[in-house]
């Protein structure tokens, strides 16, 4: 609700409280990751997406979504090329089982990022 009202900082504070109160809740971490990104806290958003990816089976839709969101964040972060190139390569292993939206996102990130050396 706070996000819909464009009250991003308040939404981020509520999401922080949610992950503190419910550290094993995937929904709490998803709200935290999204609100951290919208509020401009790239570090917190990356850590949250990493936690989500770690807590889900590699190659699953949730893992792919979290991983590609991390790549999008890291590709805007100076000095993070090795990390985002590794994540792109891992996500690319699951290209054949991706839904259309994830496949499109992967293709766009591959075009935007030069990870060939």
PDB file of N, CA and C in Angstrom:
ATOM      1  N   UNK A   1       0.824  -1.189   0.000  1.00  0.00           N
ATOM      2  CA  UNK A   1       0.000   0.000   0.000  1.00  0.00           C
ATOM      3  C   UNK A   1       0.870   1.255   0.000  1.00  0.00           C
ATOM      4  N   UNK A   2       1.933   1.255   0.789  1.00  0.00           N
ATOM      5  CA  UNK A   2       2.811   2.427   0.831  1.00  0.00           C
ATOM      6  C   UNK A   2       3.502   2.652  -0.511  1.00  0.00           C
ATOM      7  N   UNK A   3       3.854   1.565  -1.161  1.00  0.00           N
ATOM      8  CA  UNK A   3       4.489   1.671  -2.469  1.00  0.00           C
ATOM      9  C   UNK A   3       3.521   2.278  -3.477  1.00  0.00           C
ATOM     10  N   UNK A   4       2.278   1.859  -3.428  1.00  0.00           N
ATOM     11  CA  UNK A   4       1.272   2.408  -4.343  1.00  0.00           C
ATOM     12  C   UNK A   4       1.090   3.906  -4.130  1.00  0.00           C
ATOM     13  N   UNK A   5       1.333   4.363  -2.920  1.00  0.00           N
ATOM     14  CA  UNK A   5       1.224   5.788  -2.605  1.00  0.00           C
ATOM     15  C   UNK A   5       2.546   6.522  -2.838  1.00  0.00           C
ATOM     16  N   UNK A   6       3.538   5.785  -3.388  1.00  0.00           N
ATOM     17  CA  UNK A   6       4.874   6.322  -3.667  1.00  0.00           C
ATOM     18  C   UNK A   6       5.582   6.804  -2.403  1.00  0.00           C
ATOM     19  N   UNK A   7       5.351   6.097  -1.317  1.00  0.00           N
ATOM     20  CA  UNK A   7       6.026   6.381  -0.053  1.00  0.00           C
ATOM     21  C   UNK A   7       7.093   5.315   0.148  1.00  0.00           C
ATOM     22  N   UNK A   8       8.111   5.386  -0.736  1.00  0.00           N
ATOM     23  CA  UNK A   8       9.127   4.329  -0.838  1.00  0.00           C
ATOM     24  C   UNK A   8       9.929   4.134   0.448  1.00  0.00           C
ATOM     25  N   UNK A   9      10.366   5.222   1.081  1.00  0.00           N
ATOM     26  CA  UNK A   9      11.174   5.085   2.301  1.00  0.00           C
ATOM     27  C   UNK A   9      10.383   4.423   3.413  1.00  0.00           C
ATOM     28  N   UNK A  10       9.116   4.790   3.558  1.00  0.00           N
ATOM     29  CA  UNK A  10       8.279   4.163   4.579  1.00  0.00           C
ATOM     30  C   UNK A  10       8.075   2.685   4.265  1.00  0.00           C
ATOM     31  N   UNK A  11       7.877   2.370   2.999  1.00  0.00           N
ATOM     32  CA  UNK A  11       7.714   0.974   2.592  1.00  0.00           C
ATOM     33  C   UNK A  11       8.976   0.176   2.916  1.00  0.00           C
ATOM     34  N   UNK A  12      10.131   0.780   2.720  1.00  0.00           N
ATOM     35  CA  UNK A  12      11.396   0.111   3.007  1.00  0.00           C
ATOM     36  C   UNK A  12      11.530  -0.158   4.501  1.00  0.00           C
ATOM     37  N   UNK A  13      11.152   0.804   5.337  1.00  0.00           N
ATOM     38  CA  UNK A  13      11.216   0.622   6.789  1.00  0.00           C
ATOM     39  C   UNK A  13      10.295  -0.527   7.214  1.00  0.00           C
ATOM     40  N   UNK A  14       9.086  -0.561   6.685  1.00  0.00           N
ATOM     41  CA  UNK A  14       8.150  -1.643   7.009  1.00  0.00           C
ATOM     42  C   UNK A  14       8.717  -2.988   6.554  1.00  0.00           C
ATOM     43  N   UNK A  15       9.309  -3.020   5.361  1.00  0.00           N
ATOM     44  CA  UNK A  15       9.896  -4.270   4.859  1.00  0.00           C
ATOM     45  C   UNK A  15      11.059  -4.717   5.737  1.00  0.00           C
ATOM     46  N   UNK A  16      11.871  -3.771   6.215  1.00  0.00           N
ATOM     47  CA  UNK A  16      12.962  -4.113   7.135  1.00  0.00           C
ATOM     48  C   UNK A  16      12.401  -4.757   8.406  1.00  0.00           C
ATOM     49  N   UNK A  17      11.330  -4.179   8.921  1.00  0.00           N
ATOM     50  CA  UNK A  17      10.699  -4.743  10.117  1.00  0.00           C
ATOM     51  C   UNK A  17      10.148  -6.138   9.841  1.00  0.00           C
ATOM     52  N   UNK A  18       9.622  -6.341   8.636  1.00  0.00           N
ATOM     53  CA  UNK A  18       9.080  -7.651   8.281  1.00  0.00           C
ATOM     54  C   UNK A  18      10.166  -8.723   8.270  1.00  0.00           C
ATOM     55  N   UNK A  19      11.337  -8.426   7.668  1.00  0.00           N
ATOM     56  CA  UNK A  19      12.384  -9.453   7.614  1.00  0.00           C
ATOM     57  C   UNK A  19      13.009  -9.684   8.987  1.00  0.00           C
ATOM     58  N   UNK A  20      12.979  -8.668   9.850  1.00  0.00           N
ATOM     59  CA  UNK A  20      13.465  -8.879  11.214  1.00  0.00           C
ATOM     60  C   UNK A  20      12.501  -9.752  12.005  1.00  0.00           C
ATOM     61  N   UNK A  21      11.204  -9.515  11.820  1.00  0.00           N
ATOM     62  CA  UNK A  21      10.198 -10.286  12.548  1.00  0.00           C
ATOM     63  C   UNK A  21      10.012 -11.689  11.971  1.00  0.00           C
ATOM     64  N   UNK A  22      10.161 -11.819  10.648  1.00  0.00           N
ATOM     65  CA  UNK A  22       9.919 -13.092   9.956  1.00  0.00           C
ATOM     66  C   UNK A  22      11.097 -13.401   9.015  1.00  0.00           C
ATOM     67  N   UNK A  23      12.258 -13.716   9.581  1.00  0.00           N
ATOM     68  CA  UNK A  23      13.457 -13.895   8.750  1.00  0.00           C
ATOM     69  C   UNK A  23      13.391 -15.066   7.772  1.00  0.00           C
ATOM     70  N   UNK A  24      12.476 -15.989   7.955  1.00  0.00           N
ATOM     71  CA  UNK A  24      12.352 -17.128   7.055  1.00  0.00           C
ATOM     72  C   UNK A  24      11.227 -16.966   6.039  1.00  0.00           C
ATOM     73  N   UNK A  25      10.629 -15.783   6.000  1.00  0.00           N
ATOM     74  CA  UNK A  25       9.512 -15.536   5.093  1.00  0.00           C
ATOM     75  C   UNK A  25      10.002 -15.061   3.730  1.00  0.00           C
ATOM     76  N   UNK A  26       9.715 -15.855   2.718  1.00  0.00           N
ATOM     77  CA  UNK A  26      10.076 -15.459   1.362  1.00  0.00           C
ATOM     78  C   UNK A  26       9.353 -14.198   0.930  1.00  0.00           C
ATOM     79  N   UNK A  27       8.094 -14.051   1.346  1.00  0.00           N
ATOM     80  CA  UNK A  27       7.334 -12.856   0.992  1.00  0.00           C
ATOM     81  C   UNK A  27       7.941 -11.604   1.630  1.00  0.00           C
ATOM     82  N   UNK A  28       8.411 -11.730   2.876  1.00  0.00           N
ATOM     83  CA  UNK A  28       9.053 -10.590   3.545  1.00  0.00           C
ATOM     84  C   UNK A  28      10.327 -10.187   2.798  1.00  0.00           C
ATOM     85  N   UNK A  29      11.133 -11.166   2.394  1.00  0.00           N
ATOM     86  CA  UNK A  29      12.366 -10.859   1.677  1.00  0.00           C
ATOM     87  C   UNK A  29      12.083 -10.279   0.298  1.00  0.00           C
ATOM     88  N   UNK A  30      11.025 -10.745  -0.357  1.00  0.00           N
ATOM     89  CA  UNK A  30      10.647 -10.186  -1.647  1.00  0.00           C
ATOM     90  C   UNK A  30      10.234  -8.722  -1.497  1.00  0.00           C
ATOM     91  N   UNK A  31       9.423  -8.426  -0.495  1.00  0.00           N
ATOM     92  CA  UNK A  31       9.021  -7.033  -0.239  1.00  0.00           C
ATOM     93  C   UNK A  31      10.242  -6.179   0.090  1.00  0.00           C
ATOM     94  N   UNK A  32      11.167  -6.735   0.874  1.00  0.00           N
ATOM     95  CA  UNK A  32      12.388  -6.012   1.244  1.00  0.00           C
ATOM     96  C   UNK A  32      13.245  -5.726   0.013  1.00  0.00           C
ATOM     97  N   UNK A  33      13.454  -6.734  -0.822  1.00  0.00           N
ATOM     98  CA  UNK A  33      14.290  -6.552  -2.016  1.00  0.00           C
ATOM     99  C   UNK A  33      13.700  -5.493  -2.942  1.00  0.00           C
ATOM    100  N   UNK A  34      12.401  -5.590  -3.176  1.00  0.00           N
ATOM    101  CA  UNK A  34      11.757  -4.635  -4.075  1.00  0.00           C
ATOM    102  C   UNK A  34      11.758  -3.226  -3.503  1.00  0.00           C
ATOM    103  N   UNK A  35      11.468  -3.083  -2.209  1.00  0.00           N
ATOM    104  CA  UNK A  35      11.432  -1.744  -1.624  1.00  0.00           C
ATOM    105  C   UNK A  35      12.836  -1.162  -1.490  1.00  0.00           C
ATOM    106  N   UNK A  36      13.832  -1.992  -1.231  1.00  0.00           N
ATOM    107  CA  UNK A  36      15.214  -1.493  -1.176  1.00  0.00           C
ATOM    108  C   UNK A  36      15.625  -0.946  -2.534  1.00  0.00           C
ATOM    109  N   UNK A  37      15.299  -1.662  -3.584  1.00  0.00           N
ATOM    110  CA  UNK A  37      15.619  -1.193  -4.930  1.00  0.00           C
ATOM    111  C   UNK A  37      14.919   0.106  -5.267  1.00  0.00           C
ATOM    112  N   UNK A  38      13.642   0.203  -4.938  1.00  0.00           N
ATOM    113  CA  UNK A  38      12.891   1.430  -5.236  1.00  0.00           C
ATOM    114  C   UNK A  38      13.356   2.614  -4.406  1.00  0.00           C
ATOM    115  N   UNK A  39      13.864   2.343  -3.202  1.00  0.00           N
ATOM    116  CA  UNK A  39      14.320   3.445  -2.348  1.00  0.00           C
ATOM    117  C   UNK A  39      15.763   3.831  -2.650  1.00  0.00           C
ATOM    118  N   UNK A  40      16.420   3.093  -3.554  1.00  0.00           N
ATOM    119  CA  UNK A  40      17.778   3.437  -3.967  1.00  0.00           C
ATOM    120  C   UNK A  40      18.891   2.767  -3.182  1.00  0.00           C
ATOM    121  N   UNK A  41      18.557   1.849  -2.300  1.00  0.00           N
ATOM    122  CA  UNK A  41      19.582   1.140  -1.532  1.00  0.00           C
ATOM    123  C   UNK A  41      20.004  -0.113  -2.302  1.00  0.00           C
ATOM    124  N   UNK A  42      20.920   0.080  -3.244  1.00  0.00           N
ATOM    125  CA  UNK A  42      21.359  -0.994  -4.124  1.00  0.00           C
ATOM    126  C   UNK A  42      22.002  -2.133  -3.345  1.00  0.00           C
ATOM    127  N   UNK A  43      22.788  -1.806  -2.339  1.00  0.00           N
ATOM    128  CA  UNK A  43      23.453  -2.838  -1.554  1.00  0.00           C
ATOM    129  C   UNK A  43      22.424  -3.735  -0.866  1.00  0.00           C
ATOM    130  N   UNK A  44      21.442  -3.128  -0.189  1.00  0.00           N
ATOM    131  CA  UNK A  44      20.413  -3.913   0.505  1.00  0.00           C
ATOM    132  C   UNK A  44      19.596  -4.726  -0.487  1.00  0.00           C
ATOM    133  N   UNK A  45      19.270  -4.134  -1.624  1.00  0.00           N
ATOM    134  CA  UNK A  45      18.497  -4.860  -2.640  1.00  0.00           C
ATOM    135  C   UNK A  45      19.279  -6.069  -3.145  1.00  0.00           C
ATOM    136  N   UNK A  46      20.558  -5.885  -3.425  1.00  0.00           N
ATOM    137  CA  UNK A  46      21.379  -7.001  -3.906  1.00  0.00           C
ATOM    138  C   UNK A  46      21.458  -8.107  -2.865  1.00  0.00           C
ATOM    139  N   UNK A  47      21.683  -7.743  -1.619  1.00  0.00           N
ATOM    140  CA  UNK A  47      21.766  -8.747  -0.555  1.00  0.00           C
ATOM    141  C   UNK A  47      20.444  -9.506  -0.418  1.00  0.00           C
ATOM    142  N   UNK A  48      19.333  -8.795  -0.548  1.00  0.00           N
ATOM    143  CA  UNK A  48      18.029  -9.458  -0.430  1.00  0.00           C
ATOM    144  C   UNK A  48      17.787 -10.405  -1.598  1.00  0.00           C
ATOM    145  N   UNK A  49      18.090  -9.956  -2.826  1.00  0.00           N
ATOM    146  CA  UNK A  49      17.913 -10.848  -3.984  1.00  0.00           C
ATOM    147  C   UNK A  49      18.837 -12.051  -3.868  1.00  0.00           C
ATOM    148  N   UNK A  50      20.047 -11.850  -3.339  1.00  0.00           N
ATOM    149  CA  UNK A  50      20.974 -12.969  -3.140  1.00  0.00           C
ATOM    150  C   UNK A  50      20.407 -13.961  -2.130  1.00  0.00           C
ATOM    151  N   UNK A  51      19.810 -13.448  -1.070  1.00  0.00           N
ATOM    152  CA  UNK A  51      19.226 -14.341  -0.060  1.00  0.00           C
ATOM    153  C   UNK A  51      18.064 -15.143  -0.654  1.00  0.00           C
ATOM    154  N   UNK A  52      17.235 -14.473  -1.444  1.00  0.00           N
ATOM    155  CA  UNK A  52      16.112 -15.161  -2.082  1.00  0.00           C
ATOM    156  C   UNK A  52      16.634 -16.262  -3.006  1.00  0.00           C
ATOM    157  N   UNK A  53      17.643 -15.923  -3.808  1.00  0.00           N
ATOM    158  CA  UNK A  53      18.205 -16.916  -4.738  1.00  0.00           C
ATOM    159  C   UNK A  53      18.815 -18.093  -3.993  1.00  0.00           C
ATOM    160  N   UNK A  54      19.493 -17.817  -2.903  1.00  0.00           N
ATOM    161  CA  UNK A  54      20.122 -18.877  -2.116  1.00  0.00           C
ATOM    162  C   UNK A  54      19.092 -19.802  -1.476  1.00  0.00           C
ATOM    163  N   UNK A  55      17.935 -19.252  -1.157  1.00  0.00           N
ATOM    164  CA  UNK A  55      16.911 -20.025  -0.449  1.00  0.00           C
ATOM    165  C   UNK A  55      15.988 -20.810  -1.382  1.00  0.00           C
ATOM    166  N   UNK A  56      16.192 -20.695  -2.681  1.00  0.00           N
ATOM    167  CA  UNK A  56      15.322 -21.397  -3.625  1.00  0.00           C
ATOM    168  C   UNK A  56      16.161 -22.301  -4.529  1.00  0.00           C
ATOM    169  N   UNK A  57      15.563 -23.328  -5.082  1.00  0.00           N
ATOM    170  CA  UNK A  57      16.326 -24.238  -5.948  1.00  0.00           C
ATOM    171  C   UNK A  57      16.876 -23.518  -7.188  1.00  0.00           C
ATOM    172  N   UNK A  58      18.163 -23.733  -7.442  1.00  0.00           N
ATOM    173  CA  UNK A  58      18.776 -23.108  -8.624  1.00  0.00           C
ATOM    174  C   UNK A  58      18.069 -23.577  -9.884  1.00  0.00           C
ATOM    175  N   UNK A  59      17.757 -22.616 -10.748  1.00  0.00           N
ATOM    176  CA  UNK A  59      17.086 -22.910 -12.001  1.00  0.00           C
ATOM    177  C   UNK A  59      15.580 -22.736 -11.935  1.00  0.00           C
ATOM    178  N   UNK A  60      15.028 -22.612 -10.718  1.00  0.00           N
ATOM    179  CA  UNK A  60      13.581 -22.394 -10.592  1.00  0.00           C
ATOM    180  C   UNK A  60      13.240 -20.982 -11.068  1.00  0.00           C
ATOM    181  N   UNK A  61      11.970 -20.749 -11.362  1.00  0.00           N
ATOM    182  CA  UNK A  61      11.559 -19.415 -11.810  1.00  0.00           C
ATOM    183  C   UNK A  61      11.911 -18.353 -10.785  1.00  0.00           C
ATOM    184  N   UNK A  62      11.706 -18.641  -9.504  1.00  0.00           N
ATOM    185  CA  UNK A  62      12.025 -17.657  -8.445  1.00  0.00           C
ATOM    186  C   UNK A  62      13.525 -17.380  -8.429  1.00  0.00           C
ATOM    187  N   UNK A  63      14.341 -18.436  -8.550  1.00  0.00           N
ATOM    188  CA  UNK A  63      15.796 -18.261  -8.563  1.00  0.00           C
ATOM    189  C   UNK A  63      16.212 -17.430  -9.770  1.00  0.00           C
ATOM    190  N   UNK A  64      15.665 -17.762 -10.936  1.00  0.00           N
ATOM    191  CA  UNK A  64      16.007 -17.013 -12.146  1.00  0.00           C
ATOM    192  C   UNK A  64      15.611 -15.544 -12.028  1.00  0.00           C
ATOM    193  N   UNK A  65      14.416 -15.270 -11.517  1.00  0.00           N
ATOM    194  CA  UNK A  65      13.963 -13.895 -11.334  1.00  0.00           C
ATOM    195  C   UNK A  65      14.901 -13.143 -10.399  1.00  0.00           C
ATOM    196  N   UNK A  66      15.211 -13.732  -9.246  1.00  0.00           N
ATOM    197  CA  UNK A  66      16.099 -13.085  -8.279  1.00  0.00           C
ATOM    198  C   UNK A  66      17.491 -12.875  -8.863  1.00  0.00           C
ATOM    199  N   UNK A  67      18.000 -13.871  -9.569  1.00  0.00           N
ATOM    200  CA  UNK A  67      19.343 -13.775 -10.161  1.00  0.00           C
ATOM    201  C   UNK A  67      19.400 -12.689 -11.221  1.00  0.00           C
ATOM    202  N   UNK A  68      18.401 -12.637 -12.086  1.00  0.00           N
ATOM    203  CA  UNK A  68      18.404 -11.604 -13.137  1.00  0.00           C
ATOM    204  C   UNK A  68      18.200 -10.217 -12.554  1.00  0.00           C
ATOM    205  N   UNK A  69      17.450 -10.110 -11.476  1.00  0.00           N
ATOM    206  CA  UNK A  69      17.319  -8.806 -10.809  1.00  0.00           C
ATOM    207  C   UNK A  69      18.647  -8.382 -10.205  1.00  0.00           C
ATOM    208  N   UNK A  70      19.391  -9.340  -9.660  1.00  0.00           N
ATOM    209  CA  UNK A  70      20.738  -9.028  -9.147  1.00  0.00           C
ATOM    210  C   UNK A  70      21.640  -8.555 -10.268  1.00  0.00           C
ATOM    211  N   UNK A  71      21.587  -9.229 -11.412  1.00  0.00           N
ATOM    212  CA  UNK A  71      22.423  -8.822 -12.548  1.00  0.00           C
ATOM    213  C   UNK A  71      22.078  -7.392 -12.948  1.00  0.00           C
ATOM    214  N   UNK A  72      20.802  -7.074 -13.013  1.00  0.00           N
ATOM    215  CA  UNK A  72      20.392  -5.716 -13.378  1.00  0.00           C
ATOM    216  C   UNK A  72      20.949  -4.692 -12.390  1.00  0.00           C
ATOM    217  N   UNK A  73      20.928  -5.014 -11.112  1.00  0.00           N
ATOM    218  CA  UNK A  73      21.499  -4.109 -10.108  1.00  0.00           C
ATOM    219  C   UNK A  73      23.015  -4.011 -10.238  1.00  0.00           C
ATOM    220  N   UNK A  74      23.674  -5.154 -10.322  1.00  0.00           N
ATOM    221  CA  UNK A  74      25.134  -5.174 -10.371  1.00  0.00           C
ATOM    222  C   UNK A  74      25.681  -4.553 -11.639  1.00  0.00           C
ATOM    223  N   UNK A  75      24.930  -4.626 -12.729  1.00  0.00           N
ATOM    224  CA  UNK A  75      25.434  -4.052 -13.977  1.00  0.00           C
ATOM    225  C   UNK A  75      25.485  -2.526 -13.903  1.00  0.00           C
ATOM    226  N   UNK A  76      24.818  -1.942 -12.900  1.00  0.00           N
ATOM    227  CA  UNK A  76      24.885  -0.494 -12.689  1.00  0.00           C
ATOM    228  C   UNK A  76      25.864  -0.122 -11.584  1.00  0.00           C
ATOM    229  N   UNK A  77      26.581  -1.126 -11.047  1.00  0.00           N
ATOM    230  CA  UNK A  77      27.491  -0.909  -9.926  1.00  0.00           C
ATOM    231  C   UNK A  77      28.937  -1.022 -10.400  1.00  0.00           C
ATOM    232  N   UNK A  78      29.695   0.028 -10.178  1.00  0.00           N
ATOM    233  CA  UNK A  78      31.099   0.025 -10.591  1.00  0.00           C
ATOM    234  C   UNK A  78      31.857  -1.101  -9.898  1.00  0.00           C
ATOM    235  N   UNK A  79      32.686  -1.811 -10.657  1.00  0.00           N
ATOM    236  CA  UNK A  79      33.528  -2.858 -10.107  1.00  0.00           C
ATOM    237  C   UNK A  79      32.852  -4.196  -9.885  1.00  0.00           C
ATOM    238  N   UNK A  80      31.613  -4.342 -10.334  1.00  0.00           N
ATOM    239  CA  UNK A  80      30.886  -5.583 -10.075  1.00  0.00           C
ATOM    240  C   UNK A  80      30.773  -6.479 -11.297  1.00  0.00           C
ATOM    241  N   UNK A  81      31.541  -6.190 -12.354  1.00  0.00           N
ATOM    242  CA  UNK A  81      31.372  -6.943 -13.589  1.00  0.00           C
ATOM    243  C   UNK A  81      31.611  -8.434 -13.418  1.00  0.00           C
ATOM    244  N   UNK A  82      32.611  -8.820 -12.678  1.00  0.00           N
ATOM    245  CA  UNK A  82      32.878 -10.252 -12.514  1.00  0.00           C
ATOM    246  C   UNK A  82      31.679 -10.952 -11.879  1.00  0.00           C
ATOM    247  N   UNK A  83      31.062 -10.308 -10.895  1.00  0.00           N
ATOM    248  CA  UNK A  83      29.915 -10.913 -10.217  1.00  0.00           C
ATOM    249  C   UNK A  83      28.722 -11.029 -11.150  1.00  0.00           C
ATOM    250  N   UNK A  84      28.421  -9.957 -11.887  1.00  0.00           N
ATOM    251  CA  UNK A  84      27.224 -10.047 -12.720  1.00  0.00           C
ATOM    252  C   UNK A  84      27.451 -10.939 -13.933  1.00  0.00           C
ATOM    253  N   UNK A  85      28.664 -11.031 -14.430  1.00  0.00           N
ATOM    254  CA  UNK A  85      28.944 -11.944 -15.548  1.00  0.00           C
ATOM    255  C   UNK A  85      28.808 -13.396 -15.100  1.00  0.00           C
ATOM    256  N   UNK A  86      29.259 -13.708 -13.885  1.00  0.00           N
ATOM    257  CA  UNK A  86      29.106 -15.060 -13.354  1.00  0.00           C
ATOM    258  C   UNK A  86      27.630 -15.415 -13.202  1.00  0.00           C
ATOM    259  N   UNK A  87      26.845 -14.472 -12.687  1.00  0.00           N
ATOM    260  CA  UNK A  87      25.410 -14.724 -12.515  1.00  0.00           C
ATOM    261  C   UNK A  87      24.709 -14.903 -13.858  1.00  0.00           C
ATOM    262  N   UNK A  88      25.071 -14.092 -14.850  1.00  0.00           N
ATOM    263  CA  UNK A  88      24.482 -14.241 -16.191  1.00  0.00           C
ATOM    264  C   UNK A  88      24.796 -15.611 -16.779  1.00  0.00           C
ATOM    265  N   UNK A  89      26.036 -16.049 -16.614  1.00  0.00           N
ATOM    266  CA  UNK A  89      26.430 -17.359 -17.140  1.00  0.00           C
ATOM    267  C   UNK A  89      25.632 -18.476 -16.465  1.00  0.00           C
ATOM    268  N   UNK A  90      25.465 -18.380 -15.140  1.00  0.00           N
ATOM    269  CA  UNK A  90      24.695 -19.407 -14.427  1.00  0.00           C
ATOM    270  C   UNK A  90      23.240 -19.400 -14.859  1.00  0.00           C
ATOM    271  N   UNK A  91      22.652 -18.219 -15.000  1.00  0.00           N
ATOM    272  CA  UNK A  91      21.250 -18.133 -15.430  1.00  0.00           C
ATOM    273  C   UNK A  91      21.095 -18.674 -16.847  1.00  0.00           C
ATOM    274  N   UNK A  92      22.082 -18.418 -17.690  1.00  0.00           N
ATOM    275  CA  UNK A  92      22.036 -18.870 -19.073  1.00  0.00           C
ATOM    276  C   UNK A  92      21.958 -20.382 -19.213  1.00  0.00           C
ATOM    277  N   UNK A  93      22.416 -21.092 -18.197  1.00  0.00           N
ATOM    278  CA  UNK A  93      22.339 -22.556 -18.223  1.00  0.00           C
ATOM    279  C   UNK A  93      20.900 -23.052 -18.270  1.00  0.00           C
ATOM    280  N   UNK A  94      19.962 -22.218 -17.843  1.00  0.00           N
ATOM    281  CA  UNK A  94      18.551 -22.604 -17.751  1.00  0.00           C
ATOM    282  C   UNK A  94      17.688 -21.941 -18.826  1.00  0.00           C
ATOM    283  N   UNK A  95      18.319 -21.432 -19.851  1.00  0.00           N
ATOM    284  CA  UNK A  95      17.632 -20.708 -20.922  1.00  0.00           C
ATOM    285  C   UNK A  95      16.468 -21.508 -21.516  1.00  0.00           C
ATOM    286  N   UNK A  96      16.669 -22.784 -21.727  1.00  0.00           N
ATOM    287  CA  UNK A  96      15.662 -23.612 -22.392  1.00  0.00           C
ATOM    288  C   UNK A  96      14.388 -23.787 -21.566  1.00  0.00           C
ATOM    289  N   UNK A  97      14.458 -23.640 -20.268  1.00  0.00           N
ATOM    290  CA  UNK A  97      13.267 -23.836 -19.443  1.00  0.00           C
ATOM    291  C   UNK A  97      12.659 -22.521 -18.960  1.00  0.00           C
ATOM    292  N   UNK A  98      13.193 -21.394 -19.387  1.00  0.00           N
ATOM    293  CA  UNK A  98      12.683 -20.094 -18.954  1.00  0.00           C
ATOM    294  C   UNK A  98      11.352 -19.770 -19.614  1.00  0.00           C
ATOM    295  N   UNK A  99      10.503 -19.073 -18.856  1.00  0.00           N
ATOM    296  CA  UNK A  99       9.286 -18.558 -19.468  1.00  0.00           C
ATOM    297  C   UNK A  99       9.677 -17.379 -20.363  1.00  0.00           C
ATOM    298  N   UNK A 100       8.764 -16.901 -21.160  1.00  0.00           N
ATOM    299  CA  UNK A 100       9.067 -15.858 -22.149  1.00  0.00           C
ATOM    300  C   UNK A 100       9.601 -14.587 -21.504  1.00  0.00           C
ATOM    301  N   UNK A 101       9.022 -14.177 -20.383  1.00  0.00           N
ATOM    302  CA  UNK A 101       9.454 -12.935 -19.731  1.00  0.00           C
ATOM    303  C   UNK A 101      10.890 -13.035 -19.222  1.00  0.00           C
ATOM    304  N   UNK A 102      11.227 -14.172 -18.593  1.00  0.00           N
ATOM    305  CA  UNK A 102      12.590 -14.352 -18.103  1.00  0.00           C
ATOM    306  C   UNK A 102      13.573 -14.477 -19.257  1.00  0.00           C
ATOM    307  N   UNK A 103      13.174 -15.180 -20.323  1.00  0.00           N
ATOM    308  CA  UNK A 103      14.036 -15.303 -21.496  1.00  0.00           C
ATOM    309  C   UNK A 103      14.328 -13.947 -22.111  1.00  0.00           C
ATOM    310  N   UNK A 104      13.320 -13.107 -22.198  1.00  0.00           N
ATOM    311  CA  UNK A 104      13.500 -11.753 -22.740  1.00  0.00           C
ATOM    312  C   UNK A 104      14.426 -10.935 -21.847  1.00  0.00           C
ATOM    313  N   UNK A 105      14.221 -11.031 -20.530  1.00  0.00           N
ATOM    314  CA  UNK A 105      15.076 -10.304 -19.590  1.00  0.00           C
ATOM    315  C   UNK A 105      16.526 -10.765 -19.699  1.00  0.00           C
ATOM    316  N   UNK A 106      16.748 -12.072 -19.793  1.00  0.00           N
ATOM    317  CA  UNK A 106      18.103 -12.596 -19.948  1.00  0.00           C
ATOM    318  C   UNK A 106      18.732 -12.067 -21.228  1.00  0.00           C
ATOM    319  N   UNK A 107      18.005 -12.111 -22.332  1.00  0.00           N
ATOM    320  CA  UNK A 107      18.538 -11.630 -23.611  1.00  0.00           C
ATOM    321  C   UNK A 107      18.912 -10.153 -23.536  1.00  0.00           C
ATOM    322  N   UNK A 108      18.075  -9.351 -22.887  1.00  0.00           N
ATOM    323  CA  UNK A 108      18.366  -7.920 -22.754  1.00  0.00           C
ATOM    324  C   UNK A 108      19.616  -7.686 -21.914  1.00  0.00           C
ATOM    325  N   UNK A 109      19.736  -8.417 -20.809  1.00  0.00           N
ATOM    326  CA  UNK A 109      20.909  -8.265 -19.952  1.00  0.00           C
ATOM    327  C   UNK A 109      22.175  -8.734 -20.658  1.00  0.00           C
ATOM    328  N   UNK A 110      22.068  -9.794 -21.461  1.00  0.00           N
ATOM    329  CA  UNK A 110      23.236 -10.260 -22.219  1.00  0.00           C
ATOM    330  C   UNK A 110      23.666  -9.215 -23.243  1.00  0.00           C
ATOM    331  N   UNK A 111      22.702  -8.550 -23.869  1.00  0.00           N
ATOM    332  CA  UNK A 111      23.032  -7.491 -24.838  1.00  0.00           C
ATOM    333  C   UNK A 111      23.679  -6.303 -24.159  1.00  0.00           C
ATOM    334  N   UNK A 112      23.177  -5.935 -22.989  1.00  0.00           N
ATOM    335  CA  UNK A 112      23.669  -4.758 -22.276  1.00  0.00           C
ATOM    336  C   UNK A 112      25.036  -4.976 -21.644  1.00  0.00           C
ATOM    337  N   UNK A 113      25.347  -6.195 -21.308  1.00  0.00           N
ATOM    338  CA  UNK A 113      26.582  -6.512 -20.568  1.00  0.00           C
ATOM    339  C   UNK A 113      27.561  -7.261 -21.463  1.00  0.00           C
ATOM    340  N   UNK A 114      28.773  -6.821 -21.435  1.00  0.00           N
ATOM    341  CA  UNK A 114      29.837  -7.497 -22.204  1.00  0.00           C
ATOM    342  C   UNK A 114      30.621  -8.367 -21.248  1.00  0.00           C
ATOM    343  N   UNK A 115      30.360  -9.648 -21.311  1.00  0.00           N
ATOM    344  CA  UNK A 115      30.983 -10.573 -20.350  1.00  0.00           C
ATOM    345  C   UNK A 115      31.901 -11.578 -21.043  1.00  0.00           C
ATOM    346  N   UNK A 116      32.442 -11.219 -22.181  1.00  0.00           N
ATOM    347  CA  UNK A 116      33.259 -12.162 -22.929  1.00  0.00           C
ATOM    348  C   UNK A 116      34.757 -12.002 -22.684  1.00  0.00           C
ATOM    349  N   UNK A 117      35.105 -11.350 -21.603  1.00  0.00           N
ATOM    350  CA  UNK A 117      36.530 -11.264 -21.347  1.00  0.00           C
ATOM    351  C   UNK A 117      36.963 -10.022 -20.747  1.00  0.00           C
TER     352      UNK A 117
END
